[in-house]
N, C-alpha and C. Protein backbone atom coordinates (compact mmCIF):
# COMPACT_ATOMS: atom_id res chain seq x y z
N MET A 1 2.68 -36.90 -7.26
CA MET A 1 4.09 -37.00 -7.28
C MET A 1 4.55 -35.73 -6.54
N PRO A 2 5.81 -36.01 -5.80
CA PRO A 2 6.18 -34.92 -5.20
C PRO A 2 7.19 -34.13 -5.66
N TYR A 3 7.03 -32.70 -5.36
CA TYR A 3 7.90 -31.93 -5.91
C TYR A 3 9.10 -32.10 -5.46
N THR A 4 10.17 -31.95 -6.35
CA THR A 4 11.68 -32.63 -6.27
C THR A 4 12.13 -31.23 -6.74
N LEU A 5 13.50 -30.88 -5.69
CA LEU A 5 14.49 -29.87 -6.41
C LEU A 5 15.62 -30.91 -7.18
N LEU A 6 16.04 -30.51 -8.26
CA LEU A 6 17.22 -30.92 -8.83
C LEU A 6 18.19 -30.24 -8.41
N LEU A 7 19.09 -31.11 -7.45
CA LEU A 7 20.84 -30.48 -6.71
C LEU A 7 21.37 -31.53 -6.42
N ASN A 8 22.52 -30.69 -6.71
CA ASN A 8 23.66 -31.50 -6.82
C ASN A 8 23.75 -31.73 -5.03
N ASN A 9 25.21 -32.63 -4.72
CA ASN A 9 25.14 -33.26 -3.50
C ASN A 9 25.54 -31.71 -2.59
N LEU A 10 26.40 -30.84 -2.98
CA LEU A 10 26.71 -29.70 -2.07
C LEU A 10 25.26 -29.01 -1.75
N GLU A 11 24.52 -28.46 -2.90
CA GLU A 11 23.01 -27.80 -2.56
C GLU A 11 22.36 -28.63 -1.65
N PHE A 12 22.24 -29.90 -1.73
CA PHE A 12 21.38 -30.93 -1.08
C PHE A 12 21.75 -30.49 0.29
N THR A 13 22.99 -30.71 0.57
CA THR A 13 23.57 -30.39 2.25
C THR A 13 23.29 -29.06 2.65
N GLY A 14 23.15 -28.27 1.81
CA GLY A 14 23.08 -26.77 2.38
C GLY A 14 21.38 -26.93 2.70
N VAL A 15 20.87 -27.39 1.94
CA VAL A 15 18.98 -27.15 1.90
C VAL A 15 18.79 -28.22 3.30
N VAL A 16 19.44 -29.43 3.28
CA VAL A 16 19.17 -30.06 4.46
C VAL A 16 19.56 -29.43 5.69
N LEU A 17 20.62 -28.48 5.86
CA LEU A 17 21.25 -28.12 6.73
C LEU A 17 20.19 -27.00 7.30
N VAL A 18 19.66 -25.85 6.26
CA VAL A 18 18.62 -24.89 6.67
C VAL A 18 17.69 -25.69 7.31
N ILE A 19 17.04 -26.50 6.80
CA ILE A 19 15.97 -27.12 7.14
C ILE A 19 15.96 -27.90 8.84
N SER A 20 17.05 -28.52 8.90
CA SER A 20 17.40 -29.04 10.25
C SER A 20 17.52 -27.97 11.33
N THR A 21 18.19 -26.68 11.00
CA THR A 21 18.18 -25.72 11.91
C THR A 21 16.82 -25.17 11.97
N THR A 22 15.83 -25.02 10.91
CA THR A 22 14.64 -24.43 11.36
C THR A 22 13.94 -25.48 12.21
N ALA A 23 14.26 -27.07 11.84
CA ALA A 23 13.19 -27.88 12.79
C ALA A 23 14.02 -27.61 14.26
N GLY A 24 15.16 -27.40 14.62
CA GLY A 24 15.50 -27.59 15.35
C GLY A 24 15.06 -26.49 16.32
N PHE A 25 14.92 -25.34 15.74
CA PHE A 25 14.47 -24.08 16.29
C PHE A 25 12.85 -24.19 17.07
N LEU A 26 12.28 -24.71 16.01
CA LEU A 26 10.77 -25.24 15.77
C LEU A 26 10.77 -26.14 16.86
N GLY A 27 11.23 -27.37 17.13
CA GLY A 27 11.31 -27.96 18.08
C GLY A 27 11.56 -27.52 19.67
N SER A 28 12.50 -26.45 19.38
CA SER A 28 12.92 -26.07 21.11
C SER A 28 11.73 -25.01 21.60
N LEU A 29 11.31 -24.37 20.42
CA LEU A 29 10.30 -23.53 20.65
C LEU A 29 8.87 -24.29 21.37
N THR A 30 8.57 -25.16 20.12
CA THR A 30 7.23 -25.37 20.77
C THR A 30 7.28 -26.98 21.71
N GLY A 31 8.45 -27.40 22.01
CA GLY A 31 8.71 -28.87 22.76
C GLY A 31 8.48 -30.18 21.95
N LEU A 32 8.24 -30.01 20.75
CA LEU A 32 8.02 -31.15 19.74
C LEU A 32 9.28 -31.68 19.18
N GLY A 33 9.47 -32.76 18.80
CA GLY A 33 10.86 -33.22 18.20
C GLY A 33 11.03 -32.47 16.73
N GLY A 34 12.12 -32.64 16.64
CA GLY A 34 12.39 -32.12 15.05
C GLY A 34 11.77 -33.04 14.18
N GLY A 35 11.68 -34.37 14.26
CA GLY A 35 11.35 -35.03 13.33
C GLY A 35 9.93 -34.72 13.02
N VAL A 36 9.22 -33.97 13.42
CA VAL A 36 7.84 -33.35 13.11
C VAL A 36 7.89 -32.73 11.83
N VAL A 37 9.13 -31.85 11.82
CA VAL A 37 9.38 -31.19 10.69
C VAL A 37 10.45 -31.83 9.44
N ILE A 38 11.17 -32.33 10.15
CA ILE A 38 12.33 -33.22 9.12
C ILE A 38 11.63 -34.01 8.05
N THR A 39 10.85 -34.97 8.70
CA THR A 39 10.21 -36.11 7.69
C THR A 39 9.74 -35.93 6.81
N PRO A 40 8.33 -34.72 6.97
CA PRO A 40 7.72 -34.14 5.82
C PRO A 40 8.46 -33.39 4.88
N ALA A 41 9.62 -32.54 5.39
CA ALA A 41 10.38 -31.72 4.63
C ALA A 41 11.29 -32.75 3.57
N LEU A 42 11.93 -33.79 4.33
CA LEU A 42 12.51 -34.32 3.26
C LEU A 42 11.71 -35.29 2.20
N THR A 43 10.50 -35.78 2.61
CA THR A 43 9.92 -36.52 1.79
C THR A 43 9.27 -35.58 0.53
N LEU A 44 8.21 -34.43 1.20
CA LEU A 44 7.64 -33.29 0.26
C LEU A 44 8.40 -32.43 -0.67
N LEU A 45 9.37 -31.82 0.17
CA LEU A 45 10.14 -31.22 -0.46
C LEU A 45 11.33 -31.31 -1.19
N LEU A 46 11.96 -32.50 -0.80
CA LEU A 46 13.07 -32.94 -1.60
C LEU A 46 13.23 -34.10 -2.11
N GLY A 47 11.85 -34.86 -1.80
CA GLY A 47 11.48 -36.31 -2.85
C GLY A 47 12.12 -37.21 -2.33
N VAL A 48 12.56 -37.38 -1.29
CA VAL A 48 13.39 -38.18 -0.22
C VAL A 48 12.42 -39.62 -0.20
N ASP A 49 12.92 -41.03 -0.04
CA ASP A 49 11.79 -41.83 0.08
C ASP A 49 11.17 -41.77 1.76
N LEU A 50 10.38 -41.86 1.81
CA LEU A 50 9.85 -41.94 3.30
C LEU A 50 10.40 -42.64 4.43
N HIS A 51 10.93 -43.81 4.01
CA HIS A 51 11.52 -45.09 4.79
C HIS A 51 12.57 -44.30 5.20
N TYR A 52 13.60 -43.53 4.36
CA TYR A 52 15.06 -42.95 4.36
C TYR A 52 14.53 -41.73 5.43
N ALA A 53 13.52 -40.97 5.10
CA ALA A 53 13.27 -39.75 6.04
C ALA A 53 12.85 -40.36 7.18
N ILE A 54 12.41 -41.34 7.62
CA ILE A 54 11.67 -42.32 8.67
C ILE A 54 13.45 -42.07 9.48
N GLY A 55 14.11 -43.12 8.71
CA GLY A 55 15.44 -43.53 9.53
C GLY A 55 16.20 -42.54 9.76
N ALA A 56 16.47 -41.27 8.90
CA ALA A 56 17.37 -40.07 9.27
C ALA A 56 16.58 -39.79 10.56
N SER A 57 15.53 -39.46 10.68
CA SER A 57 14.73 -39.04 12.10
C SER A 57 15.05 -40.17 13.13
N LEU A 58 15.21 -41.24 13.08
CA LEU A 58 15.23 -42.27 14.17
C LEU A 58 17.06 -42.39 14.81
N VAL A 59 17.82 -41.82 13.48
CA VAL A 59 19.19 -42.00 13.95
C VAL A 59 19.56 -40.79 14.51
N SER A 60 18.91 -39.45 14.25
CA SER A 60 19.04 -38.43 15.04
C SER A 60 18.59 -38.53 16.54
N VAL A 61 17.39 -39.51 16.84
CA VAL A 61 16.75 -39.39 17.85
C VAL A 61 17.67 -40.15 18.73
N ILE A 62 18.43 -41.27 18.09
CA ILE A 62 19.07 -41.92 18.95
C ILE A 62 20.55 -41.51 19.37
N ALA A 63 20.83 -40.64 18.45
CA ALA A 63 22.30 -39.64 18.59
C ALA A 63 21.95 -39.05 19.91
N THR A 64 20.96 -38.42 19.98
CA THR A 64 20.52 -37.34 20.83
C THR A 64 20.50 -37.92 22.29
N SER A 65 19.65 -39.20 22.06
CA SER A 65 19.16 -40.15 23.42
C SER A 65 20.86 -40.35 23.89
N SER A 66 21.38 -40.73 23.25
CA SER A 66 22.81 -41.48 23.45
C SER A 66 23.69 -40.45 24.32
N GLY A 67 23.59 -39.26 23.57
CA GLY A 67 24.26 -37.98 24.20
C GLY A 67 24.00 -37.70 25.86
N ALA A 68 22.60 -37.77 25.51
CA ALA A 68 22.10 -37.36 27.20
C ALA A 68 22.16 -38.37 27.98
N ALA A 69 22.02 -39.53 27.55
CA ALA A 69 22.33 -40.69 28.46
C ALA A 69 23.81 -40.80 29.28
N SER A 70 24.78 -40.49 28.16
CA SER A 70 26.08 -40.49 28.88
C SER A 70 26.36 -39.37 29.46
N ALA A 71 25.91 -38.10 29.32
CA ALA A 71 26.01 -36.81 30.35
C ALA A 71 25.12 -37.16 31.76
N TYR A 72 24.23 -37.96 31.81
CA TYR A 72 23.46 -38.55 32.76
C TYR A 72 24.43 -39.12 33.87
N VAL A 73 24.93 -40.33 33.42
CA VAL A 73 25.77 -41.34 33.73
C VAL A 73 26.68 -40.53 34.52
N ARG A 74 27.57 -39.66 33.97
CA ARG A 74 28.69 -38.79 34.53
C ARG A 74 27.93 -38.31 35.88
């Protein structure tokens, strides 16, 4: 059974912001994607369903790729 924190929406958002910032830092430092950190953190620490955590990672990859593609086209 995963460890889940009982958080309200504002606290959950703050925790996700901290995890995302850490994932971005580790991703840029190591060259790995942030999803390597985000997906396990969402599932193990916050109790988010694995399918939703993977979906959140995919959405962030799509957003980043779209931004990079539009900058390249210009």
